[in-house]
Amino acid sequence: MASSRQPARRAAQKPRPAVRRTTEARLVFSRRNYVLLLIGVGLIVLGYALMLVDNASSENPVDSPLSLVVAPLLLLGGYLEIVYAILWRPRAARDEARSEAATQPQPARVAA
């Protein structure tokens, strides 16, 4: 009995029209963004590795200049590099965004 209802439901459903996409699917980041991200991640890993290795090999791990100066600078540089990699856009994309903003109509201002 249940099997006889299923074909009736399928026949009652309307066929869906095929959806065509007119725009191209583009990646958010370019290759350079990914390279910059990998450099930033590498700096962060290197900073933590230097902090770990220096603490293990030094007689007084708290006062070591490598873990007090060099490793934190590498970490800061790595995090700043990641932010820069996320915000970086190619010049052509920036120019395209500016031209699109210039061609859009501006809202009318009401004089008071």
PDB file of N, CA and C in Angstrom:
ATOM      1  N   MET A   1       0.809  -1.180   0.000  1.00  0.00           N
ATOM      2  CA  MET A   1       0.000   0.000   0.000  1.00  0.00           C
ATOM      3  C   MET A   1       0.861   1.255   0.000  1.00  0.00           C
ATOM      4  N   ALA A   2       1.916   1.229   0.805  1.00  0.00           N
ATOM      5  CA  ALA A   2       2.786   2.393   0.864  1.00  0.00           C
ATOM      6  C   ALA A   2       3.551   2.578  -0.442  1.00  0.00           C
ATOM      7  N   SER A   3       3.836   1.472  -1.123  1.00  0.00           N
ATOM      8  CA  SER A   3       4.586   1.583  -2.365  1.00  0.00           C
ATOM      9  C   SER A   3       3.754   2.193  -3.477  1.00  0.00           C
ATOM     10  N   SER A   4       2.430   2.054  -3.420  1.00  0.00           N
ATOM     11  CA  SER A   4       1.580   2.623  -4.466  1.00  0.00           C
ATOM     12  C   SER A   4       1.453   4.145  -4.325  1.00  0.00           C
ATOM     13  N   ARG A   5       1.685   4.693  -3.140  1.00  0.00           N
ATOM     14  CA  ARG A   5       1.598   6.143  -2.933  1.00  0.00           C
ATOM     15  C   ARG A   5       2.837   6.869  -3.450  1.00  0.00           C
ATOM     16  N   GLN A   6       3.975   6.246  -3.396  1.00  0.00           N
ATOM     17  CA  GLN A   6       5.206   6.916  -3.793  1.00  0.00           C
ATOM     18  C   GLN A   6       5.216   7.327  -5.262  1.00  0.00           C
ATOM     19  N   PRO A   7       4.810   6.480  -6.215  1.00  0.00           N
ATOM     20  CA  PRO A   7       4.797   6.938  -7.601  1.00  0.00           C
ATOM     21  C   PRO A   7       3.819   8.083  -7.823  1.00  0.00           C
ATOM     22  N   ALA A   8       2.722   8.114  -7.082  1.00  0.00           N
ATOM     23  CA  ALA A   8       1.759   9.202  -7.233  1.00  0.00           C
ATOM     24  C   ALA A   8       2.363  10.520  -6.769  1.00  0.00           C
ATOM     25  N   ARG A   9       3.141  10.491  -5.726  1.00  0.00           N
ATOM     26  CA  ARG A   9       3.800  11.711  -5.234  1.00  0.00           C
ATOM     27  C   ARG A   9       4.830  12.209  -6.239  1.00  0.00           C
ATOM     28  N   ARG A  10       5.577  11.307  -6.812  1.00  0.00           N
ATOM     29  CA  ARG A  10       6.594  11.702  -7.793  1.00  0.00           C
ATOM     30  C   ARG A  10       5.944  12.311  -9.028  1.00  0.00           C
ATOM     31  N   ALA A  11       4.810  11.773  -9.431  1.00  0.00           N
ATOM     32  CA  ALA A  11       4.122  12.307 -10.606  1.00  0.00           C
ATOM     33  C   ALA A  11       3.520  13.673 -10.303  1.00  0.00           C
ATOM     34  N   ALA A  12       3.113  13.909  -9.069  1.00  0.00           N
ATOM     35  CA  ALA A  12       2.492  15.173  -8.703  1.00  0.00           C
ATOM     36  C   ALA A  12       3.508  16.303  -8.583  1.00  0.00           C
ATOM     37  N   GLN A  13       4.782  15.983  -8.332  1.00  0.00           N
ATOM     38  CA  GLN A  13       5.800  17.017  -8.195  1.00  0.00           C
ATOM     39  C   GLN A  13       6.090  17.634  -9.551  1.00  0.00           C
ATOM     40  N   LYS A  14       6.267  18.955  -9.535  1.00  0.00           N
ATOM     41  CA  LYS A  14       6.594  19.656 -10.774  1.00  0.00           C
ATOM     42  C   LYS A  14       8.096  19.544 -11.022  1.00  0.00           C
ATOM     43  N   PRO A  15       8.490  19.396 -12.254  1.00  0.00           N
ATOM     44  CA  PRO A  15       9.926  19.355 -12.528  1.00  0.00           C
ATOM     45  C   PRO A  15      10.548  20.736 -12.287  1.00  0.00           C
ATOM     46  N   ARG A  16      11.714  20.719 -11.703  1.00  0.00           N
ATOM     47  CA  ARG A  16      12.411  21.971 -11.407  1.00  0.00           C
ATOM     48  C   ARG A  16      13.172  22.437 -12.642  1.00  0.00           C
ATOM     49  N   PRO A  17      13.104  23.714 -12.931  1.00  0.00           N
ATOM     50  CA  PRO A  17      13.874  24.206 -14.080  1.00  0.00           C
ATOM     51  C   PRO A  17      15.364  24.205 -13.758  1.00  0.00           C
ATOM     52  N   ALA A  18      16.152  23.991 -14.771  1.00  0.00           N
ATOM     53  CA  ALA A  18      17.606  23.977 -14.582  1.00  0.00           C
ATOM     54  C   ALA A  18      18.081  25.392 -14.279  1.00  0.00           C
ATOM     55  N   VAL A  19      18.940  25.512 -13.282  1.00  0.00           N
ATOM     56  CA  VAL A  19      19.454  26.817 -12.884  1.00  0.00           C
ATOM     57  C   VAL A  19      20.795  27.037 -13.576  1.00  0.00           C
ATOM     58  N   ARG A  20      20.906  28.143 -14.281  1.00  0.00           N
ATOM     59  CA  ARG A  20      22.167  28.485 -14.942  1.00  0.00           C
ATOM     60  C   ARG A  20      22.821  29.622 -14.190  1.00  0.00           C
ATOM     61  N   ARG A  21      24.066  29.473 -13.997  1.00  0.00           N
ATOM     62  CA  ARG A  21      24.820  30.528 -13.333  1.00  0.00           C
ATOM     63  C   ARG A  21      25.503  31.371 -14.396  1.00  0.00           C
ATOM     64  N   THR A  22      25.288  32.656 -14.307  1.00  0.00           N
ATOM     65  CA  THR A  22      25.876  33.538 -15.306  1.00  0.00           C
ATOM     66  C   THR A  22      27.236  34.061 -14.870  1.00  0.00           C
ATOM     67  N   THR A  23      27.527  34.005 -13.589  1.00  0.00           N
ATOM     68  CA  THR A  23      28.812  34.499 -13.116  1.00  0.00           C
ATOM     69  C   THR A  23      29.761  33.338 -12.898  1.00  0.00           C
ATOM     70  N   GLU A  24      31.032  33.637 -13.034  1.00  0.00           N
ATOM     71  CA  GLU A  24      32.060  32.616 -12.812  1.00  0.00           C
ATOM     72  C   GLU A  24      32.328  32.468 -11.328  1.00  0.00           C
ATOM     73  N   ALA A  25      32.653  31.277 -10.925  1.00  0.00           N
ATOM     74  CA  ALA A  25      33.058  31.053  -9.544  1.00  0.00           C
ATOM     75  C   ALA A  25      34.542  31.415  -9.431  1.00  0.00           C
ATOM     76  N   ARG A  26      34.845  32.382  -8.567  1.00  0.00           N
ATOM     77  CA  ARG A  26      36.222  32.812  -8.395  1.00  0.00           C
ATOM     78  C   ARG A  26      36.672  32.515  -6.974  1.00  0.00           C
ATOM     79  N   LEU A  27      37.933  32.192  -6.839  1.00  0.00           N
ATOM     80  CA  LEU A  27      38.496  31.982  -5.517  1.00  0.00           C
ATOM     81  C   LEU A  27      38.670  33.327  -4.829  1.00  0.00           C
ATOM     82  N   VAL A  28      38.542  33.317  -3.522  1.00  0.00           N
ATOM     83  CA  VAL A  28      38.673  34.553  -2.767  1.00  0.00           C
ATOM     84  C   VAL A  28      40.120  35.015  -2.767  1.00  0.00           C
ATOM     85  N   PHE A  29      41.041  34.087  -2.578  1.00  0.00           N
ATOM     86  CA  PHE A  29      42.457  34.423  -2.521  1.00  0.00           C
ATOM     87  C   PHE A  29      43.149  34.014  -3.801  1.00  0.00           C
ATOM     88  N   SER A  30      44.197  34.740  -4.133  1.00  0.00           N
ATOM     89  CA  SER A  30      45.031  34.360  -5.268  1.00  0.00           C
ATOM     90  C   SER A  30      46.181  33.490  -4.754  1.00  0.00           C
ATOM     91  N   ARG A  31      47.024  33.102  -5.673  1.00  0.00           N
ATOM     92  CA  ARG A  31      48.154  32.244  -5.280  1.00  0.00           C
ATOM     93  C   ARG A  31      49.093  32.982  -4.332  1.00  0.00           C
ATOM     94  N   ARG A  32      49.276  34.280  -4.579  1.00  0.00           N
ATOM     95  CA  ARG A  32      50.172  35.056  -3.723  1.00  0.00           C
ATOM     96  C   ARG A  32      49.649  35.115  -2.283  1.00  0.00           C
ATOM     97  N   ASN A  33      48.325  35.207  -2.102  1.00  0.00           N
ATOM     98  CA  ASN A  33      47.768  35.202  -0.754  1.00  0.00           C
ATOM     99  C   ASN A  33      48.135  33.924  -0.009  1.00  0.00           C
ATOM    100  N   TYR A  34      48.020  32.796  -0.694  1.00  0.00           N
ATOM    101  CA  TYR A  34      48.338  31.518  -0.053  1.00  0.00           C
ATOM    102  C   TYR A  34      49.828  31.406   0.265  1.00  0.00           C
ATOM    103  N   VAL A  35      50.681  31.928  -0.608  1.00  0.00           N
ATOM    104  CA  VAL A  35      52.124  31.905  -0.337  1.00  0.00           C
ATOM    105  C   VAL A  35      52.426  32.766   0.887  1.00  0.00           C
ATOM    106  N   LEU A  36      51.815  33.953   0.962  1.00  0.00           N
ATOM    107  CA  LEU A  36      52.031  34.822   2.116  1.00  0.00           C
ATOM    108  C   LEU A  36      51.501  34.184   3.400  1.00  0.00           C
ATOM    109  N   LEU A  37      50.377  33.493   3.307  1.00  0.00           N
ATOM    110  CA  LEU A  37      49.853  32.782   4.475  1.00  0.00           C
ATOM    111  C   LEU A  37      50.812  31.692   4.946  1.00  0.00           C
ATOM    112  N   LEU A  38      51.359  30.943   3.997  1.00  0.00           N
ATOM    113  CA  LEU A  38      52.309  29.883   4.372  1.00  0.00           C
ATOM    114  C   LEU A  38      53.572  30.467   4.997  1.00  0.00           C
ATOM    115  N   ILE A  39      54.034  31.599   4.502  1.00  0.00           N
ATOM    116  CA  ILE A  39      55.204  32.252   5.100  1.00  0.00           C
ATOM    117  C   ILE A  39      54.887  32.659   6.539  1.00  0.00           C
ATOM    118  N   GLY A  40      53.707  33.222   6.751  1.00  0.00           N
ATOM    119  CA  GLY A  40      53.306  33.617   8.108  1.00  0.00           C
ATOM    120  C   GLY A  40      53.208  32.429   9.050  1.00  0.00           C
ATOM    121  N   VAL A  41      52.612  31.356   8.581  1.00  0.00           N
ATOM    122  CA  VAL A  41      52.503  30.148   9.415  1.00  0.00           C
ATOM    123  C   VAL A  41      53.893  29.592   9.698  1.00  0.00           C
ATOM    124  N   GLY A  42      54.778  29.629   8.714  1.00  0.00           N
ATOM    125  CA  GLY A  42      56.150  29.159   8.913  1.00  0.00           C
ATOM    126  C   GLY A  42      56.880  29.976   9.963  1.00  0.00           C
ATOM    127  N   LEU A  43      56.705  31.308   9.936  1.00  0.00           N
ATOM    128  CA  LEU A  43      57.332  32.157  10.952  1.00  0.00           C
ATOM    129  C   LEU A  43      56.798  31.847  12.346  1.00  0.00           C
ATOM    130  N   ILE A  44      55.521  31.591  12.441  1.00  0.00           N
ATOM    131  CA  ILE A  44      54.932  31.269  13.750  1.00  0.00           C
ATOM    132  C   ILE A  44      55.470  29.932  14.265  1.00  0.00           C
ATOM    133  N   VAL A  45      55.525  28.943  13.397  1.00  0.00           N
ATOM    134  CA  VAL A  45      56.053  27.634  13.806  1.00  0.00           C
ATOM    135  C   VAL A  45      57.518  27.770  14.212  1.00  0.00           C
ATOM    136  N   LEU A  46      58.291  28.533  13.443  1.00  0.00           N
ATOM    137  CA  LEU A  46      59.707  28.737  13.775  1.00  0.00           C
ATOM    138  C   LEU A  46      59.864  29.456  15.106  1.00  0.00           C
ATOM    139  N   GLY A  47      59.012  30.448  15.359  1.00  0.00           N
ATOM    140  CA  GLY A  47      59.086  31.171  16.636  1.00  0.00           C
ATOM    141  C   GLY A  47      58.803  30.269  17.824  1.00  0.00           C
ATOM    142  N   TYR A  48      57.762  29.460  17.724  1.00  0.00           N
ATOM    143  CA  TYR A  48      57.467  28.540  18.833  1.00  0.00           C
ATOM    144  C   TYR A  48      58.538  27.457  18.959  1.00  0.00           C
ATOM    145  N   ALA A  49      59.087  27.007  17.842  1.00  0.00           N
ATOM    146  CA  ALA A  49      60.145  25.990  17.902  1.00  0.00           C
ATOM    147  C   ALA A  49      61.393  26.549  18.567  1.00  0.00           C
ATOM    148  N   LEU A  50      61.766  27.789  18.232  1.00  0.00           N
ATOM    149  CA  LEU A  50      62.929  28.406  18.881  1.00  0.00           C
ATOM    150  C   LEU A  50      62.695  28.581  20.377  1.00  0.00           C
ATOM    151  N   MET A  51      61.510  28.933  20.748  1.00  0.00           N
ATOM    152  CA  MET A  51      61.207  29.090  22.159  1.00  0.00           C
ATOM    153  C   MET A  51      61.303  27.748  22.884  1.00  0.00           C
ATOM    154  N   LEU A  52      60.844  26.703  22.242  1.00  0.00           N
ATOM    155  CA  LEU A  52      60.872  25.374  22.847  1.00  0.00           C
ATOM    156  C   LEU A  52      62.292  24.830  22.924  1.00  0.00           C
ATOM    157  N   VAL A  53      63.040  24.929  21.831  1.00  0.00           N
ATOM    158  CA  VAL A  53      64.400  24.383  21.798  1.00  0.00           C
ATOM    159  C   VAL A  53      65.315  25.143  22.739  1.00  0.00           C
ATOM    160  N   ASP A  54      65.174  26.454  22.777  1.00  0.00           N
ATOM    161  CA  ASP A  54      66.037  27.252  23.639  1.00  0.00           C
ATOM    162  C   ASP A  54      65.746  26.978  25.110  1.00  0.00           C
ATOM    163  N   ASN A  55      64.504  26.785  25.451  1.00  0.00           N
ATOM    164  CA  ASN A  55      64.169  26.482  26.843  1.00  0.00           C
ATOM    165  C   ASN A  55      64.686  25.114  27.257  1.00  0.00           C
ATOM    166  N   ALA A  56      64.772  24.187  26.325  1.00  0.00           N
ATOM    167  CA  ALA A  56      65.245  22.844  26.657  1.00  0.00           C
ATOM    168  C   ALA A  56      66.768  22.790  26.770  1.00  0.00           C
ATOM    169  N   SER A  57      67.477  23.613  25.990  1.00  0.00           N
ATOM    170  CA  SER A  57      68.936  23.505  25.954  1.00  0.00           C
ATOM    171  C   SER A  57      69.650  24.492  26.870  1.00  0.00           C
ATOM    172  N   SER A  58      68.999  25.544  27.295  1.00  0.00           N
ATOM    173  CA  SER A  58      69.665  26.568  28.104  1.00  0.00           C
ATOM    174  C   SER A  58      69.673  26.166  29.577  1.00  0.00           C
ATOM    175  N   GLU A  59      70.699  26.647  30.295  1.00  0.00           N
ATOM    176  CA  GLU A  59      70.759  26.344  31.727  1.00  0.00           C
ATOM    177  C   GLU A  59      69.727  27.152  32.505  1.00  0.00           C
ATOM    178  N   ASN A  60      69.464  28.391  32.075  1.00  0.00           N
ATOM    179  CA  ASN A  60      68.417  29.203  32.681  1.00  0.00           C
ATOM    180  C   ASN A  60      67.458  29.630  31.562  1.00  0.00           C
ATOM    181  N   PRO A  61      66.424  28.846  31.340  1.00  0.00           N
ATOM    182  CA  PRO A  61      65.576  29.080  30.167  1.00  0.00           C
ATOM    183  C   PRO A  61      64.794  30.390  30.198  1.00  0.00           C
ATOM    184  N   VAL A  62      64.610  30.973  31.375  1.00  0.00           N
ATOM    185  CA  VAL A  62      63.819  32.195  31.461  1.00  0.00           C
ATOM    186  C   VAL A  62      64.608  33.403  30.962  1.00  0.00           C
ATOM    187  N   ASP A  63      65.910  33.435  31.163  1.00  0.00           N
ATOM    188  CA  ASP A  63      66.716  34.604  30.825  1.00  0.00           C
ATOM    189  C   ASP A  63      67.406  34.503  29.470  1.00  0.00           C
ATOM    190  N   SER A  64      67.067  33.560  28.667  1.00  0.00           N
ATOM    191  CA  SER A  64      67.717  33.383  27.380  1.00  0.00           C
ATOM    192  C   SER A  64      67.283  34.478  26.390  1.00  0.00           C
ATOM    193  N   PRO A  65      68.226  35.118  25.718  1.00  0.00           N
ATOM    194  CA  PRO A  65      67.854  36.163  24.757  1.00  0.00           C
ATOM    195  C   PRO A  65      67.096  35.612  23.550  1.00  0.00           C
ATOM    196  N   LEU A  66      67.320  34.343  23.227  1.00  0.00           N
ATOM    197  CA  LEU A  66      66.620  33.761  22.091  1.00  0.00           C
ATOM    198  C   LEU A  66      65.127  33.643  22.374  1.00  0.00           C
ATOM    199  N   SER A  67      64.769  33.230  23.596  1.00  0.00           N
ATOM    200  CA  SER A  67      63.355  33.101  23.907  1.00  0.00           C
ATOM    201  C   SER A  67      62.736  34.414  24.387  1.00  0.00           C
ATOM    202  N   LEU A  68      63.542  35.386  24.766  1.00  0.00           N
ATOM    203  CA  LEU A  68      62.989  36.664  25.203  1.00  0.00           C
ATOM    204  C   LEU A  68      62.870  37.680  24.072  1.00  0.00           C
ATOM    205  N   VAL A  69      63.725  37.571  23.046  1.00  0.00           N
ATOM    206  CA  VAL A  69      63.748  38.593  21.998  1.00  0.00           C
ATOM    207  C   VAL A  69      63.418  38.014  20.624  1.00  0.00           C
ATOM    208  N   VAL A  70      64.174  37.027  20.210  1.00  0.00           N
ATOM    209  CA  VAL A  70      64.073  36.544  18.823  1.00  0.00           C
ATOM    210  C   VAL A  70      62.756  35.809  18.584  1.00  0.00           C
ATOM    211  N   ALA A  71      62.397  34.879  19.440  1.00  0.00           N
ATOM    212  CA  ALA A  71      61.174  34.101  19.233  1.00  0.00           C
ATOM    213  C   ALA A  71      59.915  34.972  19.264  1.00  0.00           C
ATOM    214  N   PRO A  72      59.773  35.911  20.225  1.00  0.00           N
ATOM    215  CA  PRO A  72      58.586  36.775  20.182  1.00  0.00           C
ATOM    216  C   PRO A  72      58.529  37.661  18.935  1.00  0.00           C
ATOM    217  N   LEU A  73      59.682  38.125  18.453  1.00  0.00           N
ATOM    218  CA  LEU A  73      59.684  38.920  17.223  1.00  0.00           C
ATOM    219  C   LEU A  73      59.257  38.081  16.018  1.00  0.00           C
ATOM    220  N   LEU A  74      59.698  36.827  15.980  1.00  0.00           N
ATOM    221  CA  LEU A  74      59.258  35.941  14.900  1.00  0.00           C
ATOM    222  C   LEU A  74      57.750  35.678  14.976  1.00  0.00           C
ATOM    223  N   LEU A  75      57.240  35.494  16.184  1.00  0.00           N
ATOM    224  CA  LEU A  75      55.800  35.286  16.344  1.00  0.00           C
ATOM    225  C   LEU A  75      55.013  36.515  15.909  1.00  0.00           C
ATOM    226  N   LEU A  76      55.454  37.680  16.324  1.00  0.00           N
ATOM    227  CA  LEU A  76      54.778  38.909  15.928  1.00  0.00           C
ATOM    228  C   LEU A  76      54.819  39.089  14.411  1.00  0.00           C
ATOM    229  N   GLY A  77      55.979  38.849  13.835  1.00  0.00           N
ATOM    230  CA  GLY A  77      56.101  38.946  12.383  1.00  0.00           C
ATOM    231  C   GLY A  77      55.204  37.950  11.663  1.00  0.00           C
ATOM    232  N   GLY A  78      55.090  36.746  12.192  1.00  0.00           N
ATOM    233  CA  GLY A  78      54.234  35.738  11.582  1.00  0.00           C
ATOM    234  C   GLY A  78      52.768  36.117  11.624  1.00  0.00           C
ATOM    235  N   TYR A  79      52.320  36.611  12.766  1.00  0.00           N
ATOM    236  CA  TYR A  79      50.914  37.017  12.870  1.00  0.00           C
ATOM    237  C   TYR A  79      50.620  38.235  11.990  1.00  0.00           C
ATOM    238  N   LEU A  80      51.548  39.185  11.932  1.00  0.00           N
ATOM    239  CA  LEU A  80      51.362  40.342  11.046  1.00  0.00           C
ATOM    240  C   LEU A  80      51.360  39.918   9.577  1.00  0.00           C
ATOM    241  N   GLU A  81      52.184  38.947   9.231  1.00  0.00           N
ATOM    242  CA  GLU A  81      52.218  38.435   7.862  1.00  0.00           C
ATOM    243  C   GLU A  81      50.890  37.783   7.481  1.00  0.00           C
ATOM    244  N   ILE A  82      50.282  37.076   8.403  1.00  0.00           N
ATOM    245  CA  ILE A  82      48.988  36.446   8.131  1.00  0.00           C
ATOM    246  C   ILE A  82      47.913  37.511   7.920  1.00  0.00           C
ATOM    247  N   VAL A  83      47.911  38.551   8.730  1.00  0.00           N
ATOM    248  CA  VAL A  83      46.950  39.637   8.540  1.00  0.00           C
ATOM    249  C   VAL A  83      47.175  40.299   7.188  1.00  0.00           C
ATOM    250  N   TYR A  84      48.426  40.553   6.829  1.00  0.00           N
ATOM    251  CA  TYR A  84      48.742  41.154   5.533  1.00  0.00           C
ATOM    252  C   TYR A  84      48.305  40.237   4.389  1.00  0.00           C
ATOM    253  N   ALA A  85      48.492  38.947   4.541  1.00  0.00           N
ATOM    254  CA  ALA A  85      48.111  37.999   3.489  1.00  0.00           C
ATOM    255  C   ALA A  85      46.601  37.966   3.298  1.00  0.00           C
ATOM    256  N   ILE A  86      45.855  38.121   4.366  1.00  0.00           N
ATOM    257  CA  ILE A  86      44.403  38.120   4.256  1.00  0.00           C
ATOM    258  C   ILE A  86      43.908  39.401   3.593  1.00  0.00           C
ATOM    259  N   LEU A  87      44.525  40.521   3.904  1.00  0.00           N
ATOM    260  CA  LEU A  87      44.072  41.809   3.383  1.00  0.00           C
ATOM    261  C   LEU A  87      44.616  42.140   1.999  1.00  0.00           C
ATOM    262  N   TRP A  88      45.644  41.460   1.524  1.00  0.00           N
ATOM    263  CA  TRP A  88      46.273  41.794   0.241  1.00  0.00           C
ATOM    264  C   TRP A  88      45.369  41.417  -0.921  1.00  0.00           C
ATOM    265  N   ARG A  89      45.243  42.335  -1.869  1.00  0.00           N
ATOM    266  CA  ARG A  89      44.510  42.077  -3.105  1.00  0.00           C
ATOM    267  C   ARG A  89      45.368  42.527  -4.274  1.00  0.00           C
ATOM    268  N   PRO A  90      45.253  41.853  -5.411  1.00  0.00           N
ATOM    269  CA  PRO A  90      46.002  42.293  -6.588  1.00  0.00           C
ATOM    270  C   PRO A  90      45.530  43.679  -7.038  1.00  0.00           C
ATOM    271  N   ARG A  91      46.401  44.407  -7.697  1.00  0.00           N
ATOM    272  CA  ARG A  91      46.088  45.765  -8.126  1.00  0.00           C
ATOM    273  C   ARG A  91      44.879  45.783  -9.070  1.00  0.00           C
ATOM    274  N   ALA A  92      44.770  44.801  -9.953  1.00  0.00           N
ATOM    275  CA  ALA A  92      43.652  44.745 -10.892  1.00  0.00           C
ATOM    276  C   ALA A  92      42.330  44.598 -10.151  1.00  0.00           C
ATOM    277  N   ALA A  93      42.295  43.806  -9.088  1.00  0.00           N
ATOM    278  CA  ALA A  93      41.069  43.628  -8.315  1.00  0.00           C
ATOM    279  C   ALA A  93      40.713  44.916  -7.578  1.00  0.00           C
ATOM    280  N   ARG A  94      41.718  45.637  -7.082  1.00  0.00           N
ATOM    281  CA  ARG A  94      41.448  46.908  -6.415  1.00  0.00           C
ATOM    282  C   ARG A  94      40.886  47.921  -7.400  1.00  0.00           C
ATOM    283  N   ASP A  95      41.487  47.994  -8.588  1.00  0.00           N
ATOM    284  CA  ASP A  95      41.002  48.926  -9.607  1.00  0.00           C
ATOM    285  C   ASP A  95      39.593  48.571 -10.054  1.00  0.00           C
ATOM    286  N   GLU A  96      39.309  47.266 -10.166  1.00  0.00           N
ATOM    287  CA  GLU A  96      37.968  46.811 -10.554  1.00  0.00           C
ATOM    288  C   GLU A  96      36.937  47.194  -9.502  1.00  0.00           C
ATOM    289  N   ALA A  97      37.293  47.046  -8.240  1.00  0.00           N
ATOM    290  CA  ALA A  97      36.369  47.401  -7.159  1.00  0.00           C
ATOM    291  C   ALA A  97      36.122  48.907  -7.151  1.00  0.00           C
ATOM    292  N   ARG A  98      37.153  49.697  -7.422  1.00  0.00           N
ATOM    293  CA  ARG A  98      36.976  51.150  -7.472  1.00  0.00           C
ATOM    294  C   ARG A  98      36.093  51.556  -8.642  1.00  0.00           C
ATOM    295  N   SER A  99      36.279  50.931  -9.798  1.00  0.00           N
ATOM    296  CA  SER A  99      35.471  51.294 -10.959  1.00  0.00           C
ATOM    297  C   SER A  99      34.008  50.894 -10.767  1.00  0.00           C
ATOM    298  N   GLU A 100      33.765  49.756 -10.107  1.00  0.00           N
ATOM    299  CA  GLU A 100      32.384  49.354  -9.817  1.00  0.00           C
ATOM    300  C   GLU A 100      31.723  50.329  -8.858  1.00  0.00           C
ATOM    301  N   ALA A 101      32.470  50.803  -7.868  1.00  0.00           N
ATOM    302  CA  ALA A 101      31.914  51.754  -6.916  1.00  0.00           C
ATOM    303  C   ALA A 101      31.637  53.095  -7.595  1.00  0.00           C
ATOM    304  N   ALA A 102      32.449  53.458  -8.577  1.00  0.00           N
ATOM    305  CA  ALA A 102      32.260  54.731  -9.270  1.00  0.00           C
ATOM    306  C   ALA A 102      31.074  54.677 -10.223  1.00  0.00           C
ATOM    307  N   THR A 103      30.761  53.518 -10.783  1.00  0.00           N
ATOM    308  CA  THR A 103      29.663  53.416 -11.743  1.00  0.00           C
ATOM    309  C   THR A 103      28.309  53.245 -11.082  1.00  0.00           C
ATOM    310  N   GLN A 104      28.269  52.881  -9.816  1.00  0.00           N
ATOM    311  CA  GLN A 104      26.991  52.727  -9.128  1.00  0.00           C
ATOM    312  C   GLN A 104      26.403  54.104  -8.840  1.00  0.00           C
ATOM    313  N   PRO A 105      25.097  54.258  -9.017  1.00  0.00           N
ATOM    314  CA  PRO A 105      24.489  55.578  -8.753  1.00  0.00           C
ATOM    315  C   PRO A 105      24.532  55.916  -7.282  1.00  0.00           C
ATOM    316  N   GLN A 106      24.806  57.181  -7.022  1.00  0.00           N
ATOM    317  CA  GLN A 106      24.874  57.655  -5.650  1.00  0.00           C
ATOM    318  C   GLN A 106      23.467  58.029  -5.202  1.00  0.00           C
ATOM    319  N   PRO A 107      23.119  57.783  -3.933  1.00  0.00           N
ATOM    320  CA  PRO A 107      21.793  58.159  -3.451  1.00  0.00           C
ATOM    321  C   PRO A 107      21.651  59.680  -3.427  1.00  0.00           C
ATOM    322  N   ALA A 108      20.453  60.155  -3.727  1.00  0.00           N
ATOM    323  CA  ALA A 108      20.194  61.591  -3.736  1.00  0.00           C
ATOM    324  C   ALA A 108      20.191  62.119  -2.315  1.00  0.00           C
ATOM    325  N   ARG A 109      20.824  63.277  -2.144  1.00  0.00           N
ATOM    326  CA  ARG A 109      20.860  63.895  -0.823  1.00  0.00           C
ATOM    327  C   ARG A 109      19.769  64.951  -0.744  1.00  0.00           C
ATOM    328  N   VAL A 110      19.110  64.976   0.382  1.00  0.00           N
ATOM    329  CA  VAL A 110      18.037  65.938   0.586  1.00  0.00           C
ATOM    330  C   VAL A 110      18.618  67.143   1.305  1.00  0.00           C
ATOM    331  N   ALA A 111      18.438  68.316   0.716  1.00  0.00           N
ATOM    332  CA  ALA A 111      18.939  69.546   1.349  1.00  0.00           C
ATOM    333  C   ALA A 111      17.994  69.945   2.461  1.00  0.00           C
ATOM    334  N   ALA A 112      18.549  70.282   3.605  1.00  0.00           N
ATOM    335  CA  ALA A 112      17.707  70.645   4.747  1.00  0.00           C
ATOM    336  C   ALA A 112      17.501  72.123   4.834  1.00  0.00           C
TER     337      ALA A 112
END
